[in-house]
C-alpha cells in the first residue's frame, strides 16, 4: 500500500521537531524540489516529508505537484544537521512507503545553499503506478462535505489548549466541544491535524472563517500552528 501510517504516538515526533516547533517545507518550484531541514539529526523528518507529499497528491488537490510526480520531475530532500564539526557529508536515498527521499547526513549551511541553488544534482522520484492511480481517483472524486466548522472563539480555545500541552503528551490531548450542529464530541490531534470524533464518524476540523486568523494560511503544514493561532488571536484582539 502507498499509505504511510503514522499512529498517534509517533505523530508528535514526525510533525514536530525535538524543539517542539512544527516542521516546515522549503519548496523550489522551478526544480520541483521539496526540502526539510532538521537541526537535531532527527530521522523522523524523513517520514514527515514523505507523509506531507502523500497527503498533498492523494488529497484530490495535488495540482502541479502531482503532475511533476507523474512526469518524474519531483524530488524530496531532507538535510540532517550535526553539531559535530568536520564530519563528512553523505548522500543516500531512503524509501518511505513508495516514495524515495534523498537524505543528506551531517549537512551544513553550505549544503543547504547548494541544494536550493541546484548546484548538487539530485535524483527525482520514479512515479509508482498505484500511487498515480489513487491520486487520479482522488482528483476525480468530489470532496466529502463532512467537516466540523468551529467559530473563532472555539478555535482559539482549542489551539491554546494544544499550545499549553507539552509535545510529548500531545498523543493524549483532547478537546471536548458541544456544537448544536454536531452535538457533543471530542477533538483530537492526530497525524498533524485536528480530527473530530462525532456520533456520525470522524471528520476534519476547520475554522469557520479563516480570514479571522489575521493572516494567510500556511499550506506547508497540516494545521495552523497552535502558537500561530495564539499570536493571531492577540493580533485580532488588539485592534
Protein backbone atom coordinates (compact mmCIF):
# COMPACT_ATOMS: atom_id res chain seq x y z
CA UNK A 1 0.00 0.00 0.00
CA UNK A 2 1.15 3.57 -0.62
CA UNK A 3 -0.35 4.93 2.57
CA UNK A 4 2.22 5.85 5.24
CA UNK A 5 0.51 5.03 8.52
CA UNK A 6 1.59 7.20 11.45
CA UNK A 7 -0.05 6.35 14.74
CA UNK A 8 -0.88 8.91 17.39
CA UNK A 9 2.16 8.02 19.49
CA UNK A 10 4.59 8.59 16.62
CA UNK A 11 2.87 11.66 15.15
CA UNK A 12 4.26 14.01 17.81
CA UNK A 13 7.79 13.28 16.66
CA UNK A 14 7.03 13.29 12.95
CA UNK A 15 5.19 16.58 12.57
CA UNK A 16 7.14 18.44 15.26
CA UNK A 17 10.90 18.74 15.73
CA UNK A 18 12.63 17.94 19.02
CA UNK A 19 12.32 21.61 19.94
CA UNK A 20 8.52 21.33 19.76
CA UNK A 21 8.22 23.53 16.66
CA UNK A 22 6.23 22.43 13.61
CA UNK A 23 8.37 21.15 10.78
CA UNK A 24 8.43 23.33 7.67
CA UNK A 25 9.00 22.53 3.99
CA UNK A 26 11.03 24.78 1.68
CA UNK A 27 9.87 24.48 -1.93
CA UNK A 28 11.86 25.20 -5.08
CA UNK A 29 9.06 25.48 -7.61
CA UNK A 30 11.21 25.57 -10.73
CA UNK A 31 13.06 22.36 -9.93
CA UNK A 32 10.18 20.61 -8.17
CA UNK A 33 12.25 20.15 -5.01
CA UNK A 34 10.83 19.91 -1.50
CA UNK A 35 13.36 20.33 1.30
CA UNK A 36 13.09 19.74 5.03
CA UNK A 37 15.98 20.76 7.27
CA UNK A 38 16.39 19.26 10.74
CA UNK A 39 18.92 20.75 13.13
CA UNK A 40 18.69 17.80 15.54
CA UNK A 41 19.76 14.97 13.21
CA UNK A 42 16.25 13.57 13.69
CA UNK A 43 15.29 10.98 11.07
CA UNK A 44 11.57 11.49 11.77
CA UNK A 45 11.98 14.40 9.35
CA UNK A 46 12.34 11.83 6.55
CA UNK A 47 8.97 10.27 7.35
CA UNK A 48 7.46 13.75 7.65
CA UNK A 49 8.34 14.92 4.14
CA UNK A 50 7.12 11.66 2.58
CA UNK A 51 3.86 11.88 4.53
CA UNK A 52 3.34 15.52 3.57
CA UNK A 53 3.90 14.67 -0.08
CA UNK A 54 1.45 11.79 0.13
CA UNK A 55 -1.18 13.96 1.81
CA UNK A 56 -0.79 16.51 -0.97
CA UNK A 57 -1.11 14.24 -4.00
CA UNK A 58 -3.76 11.95 -2.52
CA UNK A 59 -5.92 14.82 -1.28
CA UNK A 60 -7.53 15.37 -4.67
CA UNK A 61 -5.82 18.76 -4.91
CA UNK A 62 -2.32 17.73 -5.97
CA UNK A 63 -2.26 20.06 -8.98
CA UNK A 64 1.23 20.93 -10.20
CA UNK A 65 2.88 18.70 -7.59
CA UNK A 66 1.01 15.65 -8.88
CA UNK A 67 1.88 16.49 -12.47
CA UNK A 68 5.56 16.79 -11.57
CA UNK A 69 5.40 13.41 -9.85
CA UNK A 70 3.77 11.82 -12.90
CA UNK A 71 6.42 13.35 -15.17
CA UNK A 72 9.28 12.16 -12.98
CA UNK A 73 10.45 15.65 -12.06
CA UNK A 74 9.74 15.72 -8.31
CA UNK A 75 12.39 15.40 -5.59
CA UNK A 76 12.05 15.09 -1.82
CA UNK A 77 15.14 16.10 0.17
CA UNK A 78 15.96 16.01 3.89
CA UNK A 79 19.10 17.57 5.34
CA UNK A 80 20.06 16.31 8.78
CA UNK A 81 22.41 18.67 10.57
CA UNK A 82 25.01 17.59 13.10
CA UNK A 83 26.55 19.67 15.87
CA UNK A 84 29.94 17.96 15.47
CA UNK A 85 32.31 19.66 13.07
CA UNK A 86 34.38 18.20 10.25
CA UNK A 87 32.13 15.17 9.68
CA UNK A 88 31.82 14.16 6.01
CA UNK A 89 28.53 15.00 4.32
CA UNK A 90 26.87 11.85 2.97
CA UNK A 91 24.04 11.49 0.46
CA UNK A 92 21.75 8.44 0.38
CA UNK A 93 18.24 7.56 -0.75
CA UNK A 94 15.73 6.21 1.76
CA UNK A 95 12.39 4.72 0.73
CA UNK A 96 9.38 5.68 2.84
CA UNK A 97 6.28 3.88 1.64
CA UNK A 98 6.58 4.15 -2.14
CA UNK A 99 8.45 7.46 -2.12
CA UNK A 100 12.21 7.94 -2.42
CA UNK A 101 13.71 10.62 -0.19
CA UNK A 102 17.21 12.00 -0.76
CA UNK A 103 18.88 12.24 2.66
CA UNK A 104 21.95 14.32 3.47
CA UNK A 105 23.63 13.46 6.78
CA UNK A 106 25.98 15.89 8.55
CA UNK A 107 24.61 18.66 6.34
CA UNK A 108 25.92 22.20 6.66
CA UNK A 109 24.64 25.62 5.68
CA UNK A 110 26.71 25.29 2.51
CA UNK A 111 24.92 22.01 1.76
CA UNK A 112 21.55 23.71 2.03
CA UNK A 113 22.61 26.55 -0.24
CA UNK A 114 23.93 24.11 -2.83
CA UNK A 115 20.69 22.15 -2.81
CA UNK A 116 18.49 25.20 -3.31
CA UNK A 117 20.83 26.64 -5.98
CA UNK A 118 20.64 23.27 -7.77
CA UNK A 119 24.44 23.07 -7.55
CA UNK A 120 24.01 19.45 -6.43
CA UNK A 121 22.43 17.07 -8.93
CA UNK A 122 19.53 15.33 -7.23
CA UNK A 123 17.69 12.19 -8.41
CA UNK A 124 13.95 12.51 -8.98
CA UNK A 125 11.29 10.09 -7.82
CA UNK A 126 10.15 7.36 -10.19
CA UNK A 127 6.32 7.54 -10.26
CA UNK A 128 4.56 4.50 -8.85
CA UNK A 129 1.58 3.31 -10.95
CA UNK A 130 -0.59 2.55 -7.93
CA UNK A 131 0.10 5.92 -6.34
CA UNK A 132 -0.77 7.67 -9.61
CA UNK A 133 -4.00 5.66 -9.84
CA UNK A 134 -5.01 6.61 -6.30
CA UNK A 135 -4.10 10.26 -6.88
CA UNK A 136 -6.13 10.41 -10.12
CA UNK A 137 -9.06 8.74 -8.34
CA UNK A 138 -8.89 11.27 -5.52
CA UNK A 139 -8.75 14.15 -8.03
CA UNK A 140 -11.88 12.87 -9.78
CA UNK A 141 -13.83 12.21 -6.58
CA UNK A 142 -15.90 15.09 -5.14
CA UNK A 143 -14.59 16.04 -1.69
CA UNK A 144 -16.63 15.00 1.31
CA UNK A 145 -18.58 17.83 2.90
CA UNK A 146 -18.46 16.45 6.45
CA UNK A 147 -16.28 18.81 8.45
CA UNK A 148 -16.56 20.47 11.84
CA UNK A 149 -16.66 24.25 11.42
CA UNK A 150 -15.51 25.97 14.60
CA UNK A 151 -16.03 29.65 15.23
CA UNK A 152 -13.02 31.77 16.15
CA UNK A 153 -13.65 31.64 19.90
CA UNK A 154 -13.67 27.84 20.00
CA UNK A 155 -10.76 27.65 17.56
CA UNK A 156 -8.60 29.89 19.75
CA UNK A 157 -9.57 27.94 22.88
CA UNK A 158 -8.67 24.68 21.15
CA UNK A 159 -5.31 25.84 19.79
CA UNK A 160 -4.37 27.48 23.10
CA UNK A 161 -5.12 24.19 24.82
CA UNK A 162 -2.84 22.34 22.40
CA UNK A 163 -0.13 25.00 22.76
CA UNK A 164 -0.08 24.53 26.53
CA UNK A 165 0.32 20.77 26.17
CA UNK A 166 3.94 19.51 26.00
CA UNK A 167 4.76 17.83 22.69
CA UNK A 168 5.47 14.51 24.40
CA UNK A 169 1.92 14.48 25.84
CA UNK A 170 0.01 15.54 22.72
CA UNK A 171 -0.87 11.97 21.81
CA UNK A 172 -3.23 12.04 24.84
CA UNK A 173 -4.55 15.57 24.22
CA UNK A 174 -8.28 16.04 23.57
CA UNK A 175 -10.71 18.95 23.43
CA UNK A 176 -14.42 18.30 24.13
CA UNK A 177 -16.96 20.50 22.34
CA UNK A 178 -20.73 20.87 22.33
CA UNK A 179 -21.80 22.34 18.97
CA UNK A 180 -25.54 22.31 18.13
CA UNK A 181 -24.93 21.05 14.58
CA UNK A 182 -22.81 18.08 15.67
CA UNK A 183 -23.79 17.58 19.29
CA UNK A 184 -21.19 16.66 21.87
CA UNK A 185 -17.90 15.35 20.51
CA UNK A 186 -14.18 15.21 21.19
CA UNK A 187 -11.44 16.74 19.05
CA UNK A 188 -8.01 15.10 18.99
CA UNK A 189 -4.70 15.94 17.32
CA UNK A 190 -3.63 13.06 15.08
CA UNK A 191 -1.14 12.79 12.22
CA UNK A 192 -0.52 16.52 12.33
CA UNK A 193 -4.13 17.73 12.15
CA UNK A 194 -7.27 18.19 14.24
CA UNK A 195 -9.93 15.50 13.89
CA UNK A 196 -13.39 15.46 15.46
CA UNK A 197 -14.84 12.21 16.77
CA UNK A 198 -18.57 12.85 16.30
CA UNK A 199 -21.52 10.50 16.70
CA UNK A 200 -21.71 10.15 12.91
CA UNK A 201 -17.99 9.44 12.45
CA UNK A 202 -14.58 11.10 12.28
CA UNK A 203 -14.26 14.39 10.39
CA UNK A 204 -11.76 17.18 9.86
CA UNK A 205 -11.85 20.39 11.88
CA UNK A 206 -11.72 23.76 10.11
CA UNK A 207 -12.08 27.40 11.11
CA UNK A 208 -15.46 28.80 10.12
CA UNK A 209 -13.84 31.99 8.81
CA UNK A 210 -10.09 31.54 8.09
CA UNK A 211 -9.71 35.29 7.47
CA UNK A 212 -10.19 35.89 11.18
CA UNK A 213 -6.74 34.47 11.82
CA UNK A 214 -5.37 37.84 10.64
CA UNK A 215 -3.03 36.36 8.07
CA UNK A 216 -2.69 33.98 5.11
CA UNK A 217 -2.91 30.24 5.74
CA UNK A 218 0.43 28.42 5.59
CA UNK A 219 -0.19 25.45 3.30
CA UNK A 220 3.10 23.79 4.24
CA UNK A 221 1.56 22.39 7.43
CA UNK A 222 -1.47 20.23 8.13
CA UNK A 223 -2.88 22.68 10.64
CA UNK A 224 -2.26 26.28 11.61
CA UNK A 225 0.21 26.00 14.47
CA UNK A 226 -1.15 26.47 17.93
CA UNK A 227 1.39 29.21 18.60
CA UNK A 228 0.49 30.95 15.35
CA UNK A 229 -3.18 30.87 16.24
CA UNK A 230 -2.42 32.30 19.66
CA UNK A 231 -0.43 35.20 18.16
CA UNK A 232 -3.16 35.77 15.58
CA UNK A 233 -5.84 35.95 18.24
CA UNK A 234 -3.81 38.54 20.15
CA UNK A 235 -3.44 40.47 16.89
CA UNK A 236 -7.21 40.45 16.39
CA UNK A 237 -7.98 41.44 19.97
CA UNK A 238 -5.52 44.35 19.93
CA UNK A 239 -7.33 46.14 17.08
